[in-house]
Amino acid sequence: KFGRKFICIPSSTPADGTFSIDSTTGVITLAKMLDRESKGDEGGVYSFTVQAQEDSSLARSANTNVRITAVDVNDHMPTFYSGNGNSPQTSFTATIPEGTSAG
């Protein structure tokens, strides 16, 4: 029986060190918190390649692509601005007539 090891392909690993991979088990864990806003251009998706290598004289290997999607949560309180848009309001009032259709 031969051993195996798992590695992230350096050219595809997120450069910010968000994820860590156990080289023995292949388990991927978070090294720091996800931030969907920092991946806005990619739709909140972190992508990288993991390679499993056989630890033998044959040194066979296989790659797989990993995609992890960060789901947006409301981590910012809503802010309402006055009519001129320059200063935030502490309250907001709106009147919606009875019978107004949805949308």
PDB file of N, CA and C in Angstrom:
ATOM      1  N   LYS A   1       0.851  -1.187   0.000  1.00  0.00           N
ATOM      2  CA  LYS A   1       0.000   0.000   0.000  1.00  0.00           C
ATOM      3  C   LYS A   1       0.886   1.237   0.000  1.00  0.00           C
ATOM      4  N   PHE A   2       0.583   2.163  -0.890  1.00  0.00           N
ATOM      5  CA  PHE A   2       1.356   3.387  -0.990  1.00  0.00           C
ATOM      6  C   PHE A   2       0.622   4.512  -0.282  1.00  0.00           C
ATOM      7  N   GLY A   3       1.382   5.479   0.194  1.00  0.00           N
ATOM      8  CA  GLY A   3       0.785   6.663   0.799  1.00  0.00           C
ATOM      9  C   GLY A   3       0.332   7.625  -0.275  1.00  0.00           C
ATOM     10  N   ARG A   4      -0.334   8.657   0.150  1.00  0.00           N
ATOM     11  CA  ARG A   4      -0.758   9.697  -0.785  1.00  0.00           C
ATOM     12  C   ARG A   4      -0.646  11.031  -0.075  1.00  0.00           C
ATOM     13  N   LYS A   5      -0.564  12.069  -0.849  1.00  0.00           N
ATOM     14  CA  LYS A   5      -0.561  13.405  -0.269  1.00  0.00           C
ATOM     15  C   LYS A   5      -1.369  14.323  -1.162  1.00  0.00           C
ATOM     16  N   PHE A   6      -1.915  15.349  -0.556  1.00  0.00           N
ATOM     17  CA  PHE A   6      -2.761  16.297  -1.259  1.00  0.00           C
ATOM     18  C   PHE A   6      -2.093  17.662  -1.197  1.00  0.00           C
ATOM     19  N   ILE A   7      -2.108  18.340  -2.324  1.00  0.00           N
ATOM     20  CA  ILE A   7      -1.545  19.684  -2.372  1.00  0.00           C
ATOM     21  C   ILE A   7      -2.441  20.581  -3.202  1.00  0.00           C
ATOM     22  N   CYS A   8      -2.387  21.876  -2.936  1.00  0.00           N
ATOM     23  CA  CYS A   8      -3.051  22.852  -3.790  1.00  0.00           C
ATOM     24  C   CYS A   8      -2.059  23.259  -4.864  1.00  0.00           C
ATOM     25  N   ILE A   9      -2.537  23.357  -6.082  1.00  0.00           N
ATOM     26  CA  ILE A   9      -1.686  23.798  -7.185  1.00  0.00           C
ATOM     27  C   ILE A   9      -1.400  25.289  -6.960  1.00  0.00           C
ATOM     28  N   PRO A  10      -0.150  25.678  -6.786  1.00  0.00           N
ATOM     29  CA  PRO A  10       0.164  27.061  -6.413  1.00  0.00           C
ATOM     30  C   PRO A  10      -0.426  28.126  -7.323  1.00  0.00           C
ATOM     31  N   SER A  11      -0.468  27.887  -8.609  1.00  0.00           N
ATOM     32  CA  SER A  11      -0.964  28.914  -9.520  1.00  0.00           C
ATOM     33  C   SER A  11      -2.468  29.124  -9.404  1.00  0.00           C
ATOM     34  N   SER A  12      -3.172  28.179  -8.767  1.00  0.00           N
ATOM     35  CA  SER A  12      -4.614  28.326  -8.683  1.00  0.00           C
ATOM     36  C   SER A  12      -5.117  28.552  -7.262  1.00  0.00           C
ATOM     37  N   THR A  13      -4.231  28.487  -6.276  1.00  0.00           N
ATOM     38  CA  THR A  13      -4.625  28.686  -4.886  1.00  0.00           C
ATOM     39  C   THR A  13      -4.957  30.148  -4.665  1.00  0.00           C
ATOM     40  N   PRO A  14      -6.079  30.434  -3.986  1.00  0.00           N
ATOM     41  CA  PRO A  14      -6.362  31.838  -3.682  1.00  0.00           C
ATOM     42  C   PRO A  14      -5.173  32.465  -2.964  1.00  0.00           C
ATOM     43  N   ALA A  15      -4.681  33.561  -3.517  1.00  0.00           N
ATOM     44  CA  ALA A  15      -3.449  34.177  -3.014  1.00  0.00           C
ATOM     45  C   ALA A  15      -3.586  34.734  -1.603  1.00  0.00           C
ATOM     46  N   ASP A  16      -4.803  34.943  -1.152  1.00  0.00           N
ATOM     47  CA  ASP A  16      -4.981  35.561   0.152  1.00  0.00           C
ATOM     48  C   ASP A  16      -4.943  34.560   1.305  1.00  0.00           C
ATOM     49  N   GLY A  17      -4.693  33.281   1.031  1.00  0.00           N
ATOM     50  CA  GLY A  17      -4.577  32.291   2.094  1.00  0.00           C
ATOM     51  C   GLY A  17      -5.884  31.968   2.796  1.00  0.00           C
ATOM     52  N   THR A  18      -6.994  32.067   2.092  1.00  0.00           N
ATOM     53  CA  THR A  18      -8.302  31.813   2.684  1.00  0.00           C
ATOM     54  C   THR A  18      -8.475  30.362   3.097  1.00  0.00           C
ATOM     55  N   PHE A  19      -7.922  29.440   2.330  1.00  0.00           N
ATOM     56  CA  PHE A  19      -8.108  28.015   2.587  1.00  0.00           C
ATOM     57  C   PHE A  19      -6.791  27.324   2.910  1.00  0.00           C
ATOM     58  N   SER A  20      -6.924  26.232   3.644  1.00  0.00           N
ATOM     59  CA  SER A  20      -5.780  25.387   3.972  1.00  0.00           C
ATOM     60  C   SER A  20      -6.172  23.951   3.633  1.00  0.00           C
ATOM     61  N   ILE A  21      -5.229  23.147   3.183  1.00  0.00           N
ATOM     62  CA  ILE A  21      -5.518  21.750   2.873  1.00  0.00           C
ATOM     63  C   ILE A  21      -4.550  20.860   3.650  1.00  0.00           C
ATOM     64  N   ASP A  22      -5.104  19.856   4.304  1.00  0.00           N
ATOM     65  CA  ASP A  22      -4.286  18.897   5.039  1.00  0.00           C
ATOM     66  C   ASP A  22      -3.608  17.986   4.015  1.00  0.00           C
ATOM     67  N   SER A  23      -2.285  17.955   4.016  1.00  0.00           N
ATOM     68  CA  SER A  23      -1.569  17.213   2.981  1.00  0.00           C
ATOM     69  C   SER A  23      -1.704  15.701   3.137  1.00  0.00           C
ATOM     70  N   THR A  24      -2.179  15.223   4.274  1.00  0.00           N
ATOM     71  CA  THR A  24      -2.372  13.785   4.471  1.00  0.00           C
ATOM     72  C   THR A  24      -3.791  13.349   4.174  1.00  0.00           C
ATOM     73  N   THR A  25      -4.772  14.109   4.662  1.00  0.00           N
ATOM     74  CA  THR A  25      -6.180  13.704   4.507  1.00  0.00           C
ATOM     75  C   THR A  25      -6.872  14.358   3.320  1.00  0.00           C
ATOM     76  N   GLY A  26      -6.371  15.506   2.889  1.00  0.00           N
ATOM     77  CA  GLY A  26      -7.026  16.242   1.804  1.00  0.00           C
ATOM     78  C   GLY A  26      -8.166  17.113   2.273  1.00  0.00           C
ATOM     79  N   VAL A  27      -8.402  17.191   3.583  1.00  0.00           N
ATOM     80  CA  VAL A  27      -9.493  18.004   4.116  1.00  0.00           C
ATOM     81  C   VAL A  27      -9.164  19.484   3.924  1.00  0.00           C
ATOM     82  N   ILE A  28     -10.120  20.210   3.331  1.00  0.00           N
ATOM     83  CA  ILE A  28      -9.965  21.638   3.081  1.00  0.00           C
ATOM     84  C   ILE A  28     -10.676  22.382   4.205  1.00  0.00           C
ATOM     85  N   THR A  29      -9.978  23.322   4.827  1.00  0.00           N
ATOM     86  CA  THR A  29     -10.563  24.117   5.909  1.00  0.00           C
ATOM     87  C   THR A  29     -10.344  25.600   5.636  1.00  0.00           C
ATOM     88  N   LEU A  30     -11.116  26.415   6.335  1.00  0.00           N
ATOM     89  CA  LEU A  30     -10.937  27.859   6.241  1.00  0.00           C
ATOM     90  C   LEU A  30      -9.750  28.272   7.087  1.00  0.00           C
ATOM     91  N   ALA A  31      -8.885  29.071   6.510  1.00  0.00           N
ATOM     92  CA  ALA A  31      -7.763  29.634   7.258  1.00  0.00           C
ATOM     93  C   ALA A  31      -8.133  31.018   7.770  1.00  0.00           C
ATOM     94  N   LYS A  32      -9.139  31.634   7.149  1.00  0.00           N
ATOM     95  CA  LYS A  32      -9.673  32.915   7.603  1.00  0.00           C
ATOM     96  C   LYS A  32     -11.100  33.043   7.092  1.00  0.00           C
ATOM     97  N   MET A  33     -11.816  34.020   7.585  1.00  0.00           N
ATOM     98  CA  MET A  33     -13.235  34.172   7.235  1.00  0.00           C
ATOM     99  C   MET A  33     -13.412  34.488   5.748  1.00  0.00           C
ATOM    100  N   LEU A  34     -14.515  33.977   5.190  1.00  0.00           N
ATOM    101  CA  LEU A  34     -14.859  34.293   3.803  1.00  0.00           C
ATOM    102  C   LEU A  34     -15.410  35.710   3.730  1.00  0.00           C
ATOM    103  N   ASP A  35     -15.168  36.381   2.625  1.00  0.00           N
ATOM    104  CA  ASP A  35     -15.703  37.719   2.396  1.00  0.00           C
ATOM    105  C   ASP A  35     -16.251  37.768   0.982  1.00  0.00           C
ATOM    106  N   ARG A  36     -17.578  37.612   0.870  1.00  0.00           N
ATOM    107  CA  ARG A  36     -18.215  37.573  -0.439  1.00  0.00           C
ATOM    108  C   ARG A  36     -17.952  38.851  -1.230  1.00  0.00           C
ATOM    109  N   GLU A  37     -17.958  39.988  -0.538  1.00  0.00           N
ATOM    110  CA  GLU A  37     -17.757  41.258  -1.230  1.00  0.00           C
ATOM    111  C   GLU A  37     -16.385  41.331  -1.903  1.00  0.00           C
ATOM    112  N   SER A  38     -15.386  40.690  -1.325  1.00  0.00           N
ATOM    113  CA  SER A  38     -14.065  40.721  -1.947  1.00  0.00           C
ATOM    114  C   SER A  38     -14.015  39.868  -3.207  1.00  0.00           C
ATOM    115  N   LYS A  39     -14.992  38.976  -3.377  1.00  0.00           N
ATOM    116  CA  LYS A  39     -15.069  38.128  -4.566  1.00  0.00           C
ATOM    117  C   LYS A  39     -16.249  38.543  -5.444  1.00  0.00           C
ATOM    118  N   GLY A  40     -16.639  39.805  -5.365  1.00  0.00           N
ATOM    119  CA  GLY A  40     -17.805  40.299  -6.090  1.00  0.00           C
ATOM    120  C   GLY A  40     -17.759  40.052  -7.587  1.00  0.00           C
ATOM    121  N   ASP A  41     -16.579  40.234  -8.189  1.00  0.00           N
ATOM    122  CA  ASP A  41     -16.440  40.037  -9.637  1.00  0.00           C
ATOM    123  C   ASP A  41     -16.640  38.579 -10.038  1.00  0.00           C
ATOM    124  N   GLU A  42     -16.399  37.664  -9.114  1.00  0.00           N
ATOM    125  CA  GLU A  42     -16.532  36.229  -9.397  1.00  0.00           C
ATOM    126  C   GLU A  42     -17.839  35.660  -8.845  1.00  0.00           C
ATOM    127  N   GLY A  43     -18.757  36.518  -8.399  1.00  0.00           N
ATOM    128  CA  GLY A  43     -20.035  36.042  -7.860  1.00  0.00           C
ATOM    129  C   GLY A  43     -19.879  35.334  -6.523  1.00  0.00           C
ATOM    130  N   GLY A  44     -18.857  35.695  -5.757  1.00  0.00           N
ATOM    131  CA  GLY A  44     -18.637  35.081  -4.456  1.00  0.00           C
ATOM    132  C   GLY A  44     -18.020  33.701  -4.524  1.00  0.00           C
ATOM    133  N   VAL A  45     -17.457  33.339  -5.678  1.00  0.00           N
ATOM    134  CA  VAL A  45     -16.912  31.991  -5.864  1.00  0.00           C
ATOM    135  C   VAL A  45     -15.392  31.995  -5.702  1.00  0.00           C
ATOM    136  N   TYR A  46     -14.922  31.103  -4.852  1.00  0.00           N
ATOM    137  CA  TYR A  46     -13.492  30.836  -4.695  1.00  0.00           C
ATOM    138  C   TYR A  46     -13.199  29.563  -5.488  1.00  0.00           C
ATOM    139  N   SER A  47     -12.229  29.583  -6.366  1.00  0.00           N
ATOM    140  CA  SER A  47     -11.886  28.421  -7.195  1.00  0.00           C
ATOM    141  C   SER A  47     -10.404  28.127  -7.089  1.00  0.00           C
ATOM    142  N   PHE A  48     -10.076  26.841  -6.980  1.00  0.00           N
ATOM    143  CA  PHE A  48      -8.678  26.424  -6.991  1.00  0.00           C
ATOM    144  C   PHE A  48      -8.614  24.944  -7.340  1.00  0.00           C
ATOM    145  N   THR A  49      -7.417  24.472  -7.618  1.00  0.00           N
ATOM    146  CA  THR A  49      -7.194  23.089  -8.015  1.00  0.00           C
ATOM    147  C   THR A  49      -6.459  22.356  -6.908  1.00  0.00           C
ATOM    148  N   VAL A  50      -6.903  21.123  -6.622  1.00  0.00           N
ATOM    149  CA  VAL A  50      -6.229  20.266  -5.647  1.00  0.00           C
ATOM    150  C   VAL A  50      -5.657  19.077  -6.403  1.00  0.00           C
ATOM    151  N   GLN A  51      -4.444  18.707  -6.047  1.00  0.00           N
ATOM    152  CA  GLN A  51      -3.796  17.561  -6.669  1.00  0.00           C
ATOM    153  C   GLN A  51      -3.526  16.496  -5.615  1.00  0.00           C
ATOM    154  N   ALA A  52      -3.917  15.264  -5.903  1.00  0.00           N
ATOM    155  CA  ALA A  52      -3.571  14.122  -5.056  1.00  0.00           C
ATOM    156  C   ALA A  52      -2.415  13.408  -5.732  1.00  0.00           C
ATOM    157  N   GLN A  53      -1.365  13.153  -4.959  1.00  0.00           N
ATOM    158  CA  GLN A  53      -0.180  12.493  -5.500  1.00  0.00           C
ATOM    159  C   GLN A  53       0.075  11.202  -4.743  1.00  0.00           C
ATOM    160  N   GLU A  54       0.390  10.178  -5.490  1.00  0.00           N
ATOM    161  CA  GLU A  54       0.770   8.914  -4.874  1.00  0.00           C
ATOM    162  C   GLU A  54       2.222   9.013  -4.428  1.00  0.00           C
ATOM    163  N   ASP A  55       2.466   8.581  -3.212  1.00  0.00           N
ATOM    164  CA  ASP A  55       3.823   8.636  -2.678  1.00  0.00           C
ATOM    165  C   ASP A  55       4.519   7.305  -2.963  1.00  0.00           C
ATOM    166  N   SER A  56       4.916   7.137  -4.206  1.00  0.00           N
ATOM    167  CA  SER A  56       5.586   5.902  -4.627  1.00  0.00           C
ATOM    168  C   SER A  56       6.547   6.224  -5.760  1.00  0.00           C
ATOM    169  N   SER A  57       7.224   5.211  -6.235  1.00  0.00           N
ATOM    170  CA  SER A  57       8.155   5.434  -7.333  1.00  0.00           C
ATOM    171  C   SER A  57       7.436   5.813  -8.623  1.00  0.00           C
ATOM    172  N   LEU A  58       6.147   5.434  -8.750  1.00  0.00           N
ATOM    173  CA  LEU A  58       5.371   5.790  -9.939  1.00  0.00           C
ATOM    174  C   LEU A  58       4.924   7.249  -9.911  1.00  0.00           C
ATOM    175  N   ALA A  59       4.725   7.773  -8.690  1.00  0.00           N
ATOM    176  CA  ALA A  59       4.339   9.178  -8.504  1.00  0.00           C
ATOM    177  C   ALA A  59       3.146   9.577  -9.362  1.00  0.00           C
ATOM    178  N   ARG A  60       2.135   8.710  -9.399  1.00  0.00           N
ATOM    179  CA  ARG A  60       0.919   9.069 -10.138  1.00  0.00           C
ATOM    180  C   ARG A  60       0.180  10.179  -9.412  1.00  0.00           C
ATOM    181  N   SER A  61      -0.582  10.960 -10.182  1.00  0.00           N
ATOM    182  CA  SER A  61      -1.319  12.066  -9.575  1.00  0.00           C
ATOM    183  C   SER A  61      -2.622  12.294 -10.330  1.00  0.00           C
ATOM    184  N   ALA A  62      -3.524  12.988  -9.675  1.00  0.00           N
ATOM    185  CA  ALA A  62      -4.800  13.374 -10.278  1.00  0.00           C
ATOM    186  C   ALA A  62      -5.172  14.746  -9.734  1.00  0.00           C
ATOM    187  N   ASN A  63      -5.797  15.544 -10.571  1.00  0.00           N
ATOM    188  CA  ASN A  63      -6.232  16.895 -10.183  1.00  0.00           C
ATOM    189  C   ASN A  63      -7.754  16.970 -10.164  1.00  0.00           C
ATOM    190  N   THR A  64      -8.258  17.852  -9.313  1.00  0.00           N
ATOM    191  CA  THR A  64      -9.684  18.168  -9.333  1.00  0.00           C
ATOM    192  C   THR A  64      -9.837  19.651  -9.041  1.00  0.00           C
ATOM    193  N   ASN A  65     -10.831  20.260  -9.631  1.00  0.00           N
ATOM    194  CA  ASN A  65     -11.118  21.672  -9.399  1.00  0.00           C
ATOM    195  C   ASN A  65     -12.093  21.793  -8.240  1.00  0.00           C
ATOM    196  N   VAL A  66     -11.836  22.738  -7.369  1.00  0.00           N
ATOM    197  CA  VAL A  66     -12.690  22.985  -6.214  1.00  0.00           C
ATOM    198  C   VAL A  66     -13.314  24.366  -6.376  1.00  0.00           C
ATOM    199  N   ARG A  67     -14.640  24.422  -6.198  1.00  0.00           N
ATOM    200  CA  ARG A  67     -15.367  25.702  -6.244  1.00  0.00           C
ATOM    201  C   ARG A  67     -16.155  25.832  -4.948  1.00  0.00           C
ATOM    202  N   ILE A  68     -15.908  26.905  -4.238  1.00  0.00           N
ATOM    203  CA  ILE A  68     -16.615  27.174  -2.993  1.00  0.00           C
ATOM    204  C   ILE A  68     -17.310  28.515  -3.159  1.00  0.00           C
ATOM    205  N   THR A  69     -18.625  28.518  -2.955  1.00  0.00           N
ATOM    206  CA  THR A  69     -19.410  29.731  -3.122  1.00  0.00           C
ATOM    207  C   THR A  69     -19.749  30.326  -1.762  1.00  0.00           C
ATOM    208  N   ALA A  70     -19.364  31.572  -1.556  1.00  0.00           N
ATOM    209  CA  ALA A  70     -19.710  32.296  -0.333  1.00  0.00           C
ATOM    210  C   ALA A  70     -21.086  32.924  -0.543  1.00  0.00           C
ATOM    211  N   VAL A  71     -22.017  32.561   0.313  1.00  0.00           N
ATOM    212  CA  VAL A  71     -23.382  33.082   0.217  1.00  0.00           C
ATOM    213  C   VAL A  71     -23.446  34.412   0.960  1.00  0.00           C
ATOM    214  N   ASP A  72     -24.097  35.370   0.351  1.00  0.00           N
ATOM    215  CA  ASP A  72     -24.201  36.702   0.945  1.00  0.00           C
ATOM    216  C   ASP A  72     -25.099  36.672   2.172  1.00  0.00           C
ATOM    217  N   VAL A  73     -24.655  37.317   3.224  1.00  0.00           N
ATOM    218  CA  VAL A  73     -25.478  37.530   4.409  1.00  0.00           C
ATOM    219  C   VAL A  73     -25.556  39.024   4.637  1.00  0.00           C
ATOM    220  N   ASN A  74     -26.578  39.428   5.336  1.00  0.00           N
ATOM    221  CA  ASN A  74     -26.767  40.851   5.585  1.00  0.00           C
ATOM    222  C   ASN A  74     -25.856  41.281   6.724  1.00  0.00           C
ATOM    223  N   ASP A  75     -24.587  41.526   6.397  1.00  0.00           N
ATOM    224  CA  ASP A  75     -23.643  41.936   7.425  1.00  0.00           C
ATOM    225  C   ASP A  75     -23.478  43.453   7.499  1.00  0.00           C
ATOM    226  N   HIS A  76     -24.285  44.182   6.739  1.00  0.00           N
ATOM    227  CA  HIS A  76     -24.281  45.642   6.781  1.00  0.00           C
ATOM    228  C   HIS A  76     -25.702  46.121   7.038  1.00  0.00           C
ATOM    229  N   MET A  77     -25.850  46.945   8.048  1.00  0.00           N
ATOM    230  CA  MET A  77     -27.167  47.511   8.344  1.00  0.00           C
ATOM    231  C   MET A  77     -27.595  48.417   7.179  1.00  0.00           C
ATOM    232  N   PRO A  78     -28.892  48.413   6.843  1.00  0.00           N
ATOM    233  CA  PRO A  78     -29.348  49.304   5.772  1.00  0.00           C
ATOM    234  C   PRO A  78     -29.212  50.767   6.197  1.00  0.00           C
ATOM    235  N   THR A  79     -28.917  51.613   5.238  1.00  0.00           N
ATOM    236  CA  THR A  79     -28.791  53.041   5.491  1.00  0.00           C
ATOM    237  C   THR A  79     -29.703  53.780   4.529  1.00  0.00           C
ATOM    238  N   PHE A  80     -30.501  54.685   5.072  1.00  0.00           N
ATOM    239  CA  PHE A  80     -31.372  55.521   4.261  1.00  0.00           C
ATOM    240  C   PHE A  80     -30.801  56.931   4.239  1.00  0.00           C
ATOM    241  N   TYR A  81     -30.847  57.551   3.059  1.00  0.00           N
ATOM    242  CA  TYR A  81     -30.303  58.888   2.903  1.00  0.00           C
ATOM    243  C   TYR A  81     -31.411  59.879   2.640  1.00  0.00           C
ATOM    244  N   SER A  82     -31.174  61.144   3.059  1.00  0.00           N
ATOM    245  CA  SER A  82     -32.152  62.202   2.818  1.00  0.00           C
ATOM    246  C   SER A  82     -32.257  62.468   1.325  1.00  0.00           C
ATOM    247  N   GLY A  83     -33.184  63.286   0.946  1.00  0.00           N
ATOM    248  CA  GLY A  83     -33.445  63.563  -0.463  1.00  0.00           C
ATOM    249  C   GLY A  83     -32.232  63.986  -1.246  1.00  0.00           C
ATOM    250  N   ASN A  84     -31.313  64.720  -0.639  1.00  0.00           N
ATOM    251  CA  ASN A  84     -30.118  65.155  -1.366  1.00  0.00           C
ATOM    252  C   ASN A  84     -29.032  64.088  -1.397  1.00  0.00           C
ATOM    253  N   GLY A  85     -29.222  62.992  -0.625  1.00  0.00           N
ATOM    254  CA  GLY A  85     -28.305  61.863  -0.674  1.00  0.00           C
ATOM    255  C   GLY A  85     -26.994  62.057   0.052  1.00  0.00           C
ATOM    256  N   ASN A  86     -26.848  63.149   0.796  1.00  0.00           N
ATOM    257  CA  ASN A  86     -25.562  63.431   1.441  1.00  0.00           C
ATOM    258  C   ASN A  86     -25.448  62.925   2.874  1.00  0.00           C
ATOM    259  N   SER A  87     -26.562  62.904   3.610  1.00  0.00           N
ATOM    260  CA  SER A  87     -26.448  62.514   5.018  1.00  0.00           C
ATOM    261  C   SER A  87     -27.434  61.395   5.340  1.00  0.00           C
ATOM    262  N   PRO A  88     -26.967  60.394   6.092  1.00  0.00           N
ATOM    263  CA  PRO A  88     -27.855  59.291   6.456  1.00  0.00           C
ATOM    264  C   PRO A  88     -28.953  59.757   7.408  1.00  0.00           C
ATOM    265  N   GLN A  89     -30.112  59.159   7.281  1.00  0.00           N
ATOM    266  CA  GLN A  89     -31.233  59.455   8.165  1.00  0.00           C
ATOM    267  C   GLN A  89     -31.263  58.426   9.290  1.00  0.00           C
ATOM    268  N   THR A  90     -31.767  58.831  10.451  1.00  0.00           N
ATOM    269  CA  THR A  90     -31.908  57.893  11.555  1.00  0.00           C
ATOM    270  C   THR A  90     -33.245  57.170  11.500  1.00  0.00           C
ATOM    271  N   SER A  91     -34.174  57.686  10.707  1.00  0.00           N
ATOM    272  CA  SER A  91     -35.466  57.010  10.530  1.00  0.00           C
ATOM    273  C   SER A  91     -35.952  57.245   9.105  1.00  0.00           C
ATOM    274  N   PHE A  92     -36.910  56.446   8.695  1.00  0.00           N
ATOM    275  CA  PHE A  92     -37.449  56.535   7.340  1.00  0.00           C
ATOM    276  C   PHE A  92     -38.946  56.308   7.423  1.00  0.00           C
ATOM    277  N   THR A  93     -39.718  57.167   6.784  1.00  0.00           N
ATOM    278  CA  THR A  93     -41.171  57.047   6.779  1.00  0.00           C
ATOM    279  C   THR A  93     -41.666  57.025   5.340  1.00  0.00           C
ATOM    280  N   ALA A  94     -42.579  56.116   5.063  1.00  0.00           N
ATOM    281  CA  ALA A  94     -43.191  56.037   3.735  1.00  0.00           C
ATOM    282  C   ALA A  94     -44.673  55.766   3.913  1.00  0.00           C
ATOM    283  N   THR A  95     -45.468  56.252   2.978  1.00  0.00           N
ATOM    284  CA  THR A  95     -46.908  56.017   2.995  1.00  0.00           C
ATOM    285  C   THR A  95     -47.267  55.189   1.786  1.00  0.00           C
ATOM    286  N   ILE A  96     -47.929  54.054   2.025  1.00  0.00           N
ATOM    287  CA  ILE A  96     -48.353  53.171   0.944  1.00  0.00           C
ATOM    288  C   ILE A  96     -49.861  53.044   1.057  1.00  0.00           C
ATOM    289  N   PRO A  97     -50.588  53.520   0.042  1.00  0.00           N
ATOM    290  CA  PRO A  97     -52.054  53.466   0.099  1.00  0.00           C
ATOM    291  C   PRO A  97     -52.569  52.022   0.142  1.00  0.00           C
ATOM    292  N   GLU A  98     -53.653  51.827   0.880  1.00  0.00           N
ATOM    293  CA  GLU A  98     -54.291  50.519   0.963  1.00  0.00           C
ATOM    294  C   GLU A  98     -54.702  50.072  -0.440  1.00  0.00           C
ATOM    295  N   GLY A  99     -54.527  48.805  -0.724  1.00  0.00           N
ATOM    296  CA  GLY A  99     -54.914  48.264  -2.018  1.00  0.00           C
ATOM    297  C   GLY A  99     -53.824  48.374  -3.082  1.00  0.00           C
ATOM    298  N   THR A 100     -52.669  48.878  -2.732  1.00  0.00           N
ATOM    299  CA  THR A 100     -51.569  48.986  -3.681  1.00  0.00           C
ATOM    300  C   THR A 100     -51.094  47.565  -4.037  1.00  0.00           C
ATOM    301  N   SER A 101     -50.948  47.313  -5.328  1.00  0.00           N
ATOM    302  CA  SER A 101     -50.525  45.973  -5.747  1.00  0.00           C
ATOM    303  C   SER A 101     -49.044  45.757  -5.441  1.00  0.00           C
ATOM    304  N   ALA A 102     -48.681  44.506  -5.282  1.00  0.00           N
ATOM    305  CA  ALA A 102     -47.289  44.138  -4.995  1.00  0.00           C
ATOM    306  C   ALA A 102     -46.401  44.508  -6.165  1.00  0.00           C
ATOM    307  N   GLY A 103     -45.144  44.764  -5.878  1.00  0.00           N
ATOM    308  CA  GLY A 103     -44.167  45.038  -6.920  1.00  0.00           C
ATOM    309  C   GLY A 103     -43.789  46.421  -6.914  1.00  0.00           C
TER     310      GLY A 103
END
